[in-house]
Amino acid sequence: EGQSYPFAKYEANFWRTKGELSLSRGEKLFFKYGMFKRACEISTTSGEVIVLIKNSFSIKVQNVVEIKRQSELLDENPWLILLGYYVILQHRRSAAAG
């Protein structure tokens, strides 16, 4: 009761332009955020981009998620896409408050 079992650890660099996700089985993924935090690339340790998330603002907000490559890590952890999007939203929220 009251125990937790971490399955992943996310660490961002000082400027929050890059992040590293370590999964419980030792796999790593890298997150890279574009200018003004409107895009997020998720890539493997070999540098292959597996997911690209883009946000654009015009009359209405549009979010595009592009699966660039098939990945077993993505199949096993579909929440990775939501993590990238969540970090973009957090950046936007902190920028608006600052």
Protein backbone atom coordinates (compact mmCIF):
# COMPACT_ATOMS: atom_id res chain seq x y z
CA GLU A 1 0.00 0.00 0.00
CA GLY A 2 1.29 3.45 -0.91
CA GLN A 3 4.14 2.13 -3.04
CA SER A 4 5.00 3.53 -6.42
CA TYR A 5 6.96 1.95 -9.23
CA PRO A 6 8.46 4.48 -11.62
CA PHE A 7 8.34 3.36 -15.23
CA ALA A 8 10.04 6.41 -16.75
CA LYS A 9 12.09 9.45 -15.83
CA TYR A 10 12.05 12.67 -17.85
CA GLU A 11 14.79 15.28 -17.47
CA ALA A 12 14.92 18.56 -19.38
CA ASN A 13 17.99 20.73 -19.96
CA PHE A 14 18.26 24.15 -18.31
CA TRP A 15 16.56 26.05 -21.15
CA ARG A 16 13.95 23.29 -21.60
CA THR A 17 14.73 23.01 -25.30
CA LYS A 18 15.69 19.33 -25.01
CA GLY A 19 14.73 16.47 -22.77
CA GLU A 20 15.73 12.88 -22.17
CA LEU A 21 13.32 10.13 -21.21
CA SER A 22 14.71 7.02 -19.56
CA LEU A 23 12.35 4.06 -19.53
CA SER A 24 12.43 1.36 -16.87
CA ARG A 25 14.02 -1.26 -19.14
CA GLY A 26 16.94 1.03 -19.97
CA GLU A 27 15.69 2.45 -23.26
CA LYS A 28 16.14 6.17 -23.87
CA LEU A 29 14.32 8.65 -26.05
CA PHE A 30 15.18 12.26 -26.76
CA PHE A 31 12.75 15.16 -26.97
CA LYS A 32 13.69 18.32 -28.87
CA TYR A 33 11.48 21.40 -28.86
CA GLY A 34 11.35 23.92 -31.68
CA MET A 35 11.37 27.67 -31.57
CA PHE A 36 8.67 29.09 -29.30
CA LYS A 37 7.89 25.49 -28.27
CA ARG A 38 5.54 24.97 -31.21
CA ALA A 39 7.03 21.64 -32.21
CA CYS A 40 8.41 18.55 -30.56
CA GLU A 41 10.54 15.81 -32.08
CA ILE A 42 10.85 12.48 -30.32
CA SER A 43 13.89 10.53 -31.45
CA THR A 44 15.73 7.33 -30.62
CA THR A 45 19.30 7.02 -29.38
CA SER A 46 20.39 6.50 -33.01
CA GLY A 47 18.92 9.91 -33.90
CA GLU A 48 15.92 8.65 -35.88
CA VAL A 49 12.87 10.87 -35.41
CA ILE A 50 9.89 8.65 -34.65
CA VAL A 51 7.27 11.33 -33.82
CA LEU A 52 6.84 14.96 -34.80
CA ILE A 53 4.25 17.11 -33.02
CA LYS A 54 3.45 20.53 -34.52
CA ASN A 55 1.23 23.28 -33.16
CA SER A 56 0.15 26.16 -35.35
CA PHE A 57 -1.84 29.22 -34.45
CA SER A 58 -4.00 31.08 -36.89
CA ILE A 59 -7.74 31.62 -36.66
CA LYS A 60 -8.00 28.35 -34.78
CA VAL A 61 -5.46 26.17 -33.02
CA GLN A 62 -4.29 23.17 -35.01
CA ASN A 63 -2.20 20.31 -33.68
CA VAL A 64 -0.61 17.76 -35.97
CA VAL A 65 0.99 14.53 -34.83
CA GLU A 66 3.11 12.78 -37.44
CA ILE A 67 4.40 9.25 -36.87
CA LYS A 68 7.64 9.37 -38.86
CA ARG A 69 8.83 5.80 -38.27
CA GLN A 70 7.38 2.68 -36.80
CA SER A 71 8.89 1.97 -33.41
CA GLU A 72 8.40 -0.85 -30.95
CA LEU A 73 8.93 1.68 -28.13
CA LEU A 74 6.05 3.75 -29.45
CA ASP A 75 3.85 0.67 -29.83
CA GLU A 76 4.53 -0.29 -26.21
CA ASN A 77 4.32 3.29 -24.88
CA PRO A 78 1.73 5.30 -26.85
CA TRP A 79 1.61 7.82 -23.97
CA LEU A 80 4.94 9.22 -25.27
CA ILE A 81 3.01 11.33 -27.77
CA LEU A 82 0.92 12.81 -24.98
CA LEU A 83 4.06 13.53 -22.95
CA GLY A 84 5.54 15.58 -25.80
CA TYR A 85 2.29 17.49 -26.21
CA TYR A 86 1.96 18.02 -22.44
CA VAL A 87 5.45 19.54 -22.23
CA ILE A 88 4.61 21.91 -25.11
CA LEU A 89 1.48 23.02 -23.24
CA GLN A 90 3.43 23.53 -20.01
CA HIS A 91 6.01 25.67 -21.82
CA ARG A 92 3.25 27.75 -23.35
CA ARG A 93 1.53 28.17 -19.97
CA SER A 94 4.72 29.26 -18.19
CA ALA A 95 5.58 31.68 -21.03
CA ALA A 96 2.13 33.28 -20.81
CA ALA A 97 2.42 33.66 -17.03
CA GLY A 98 5.94 35.13 -17.20
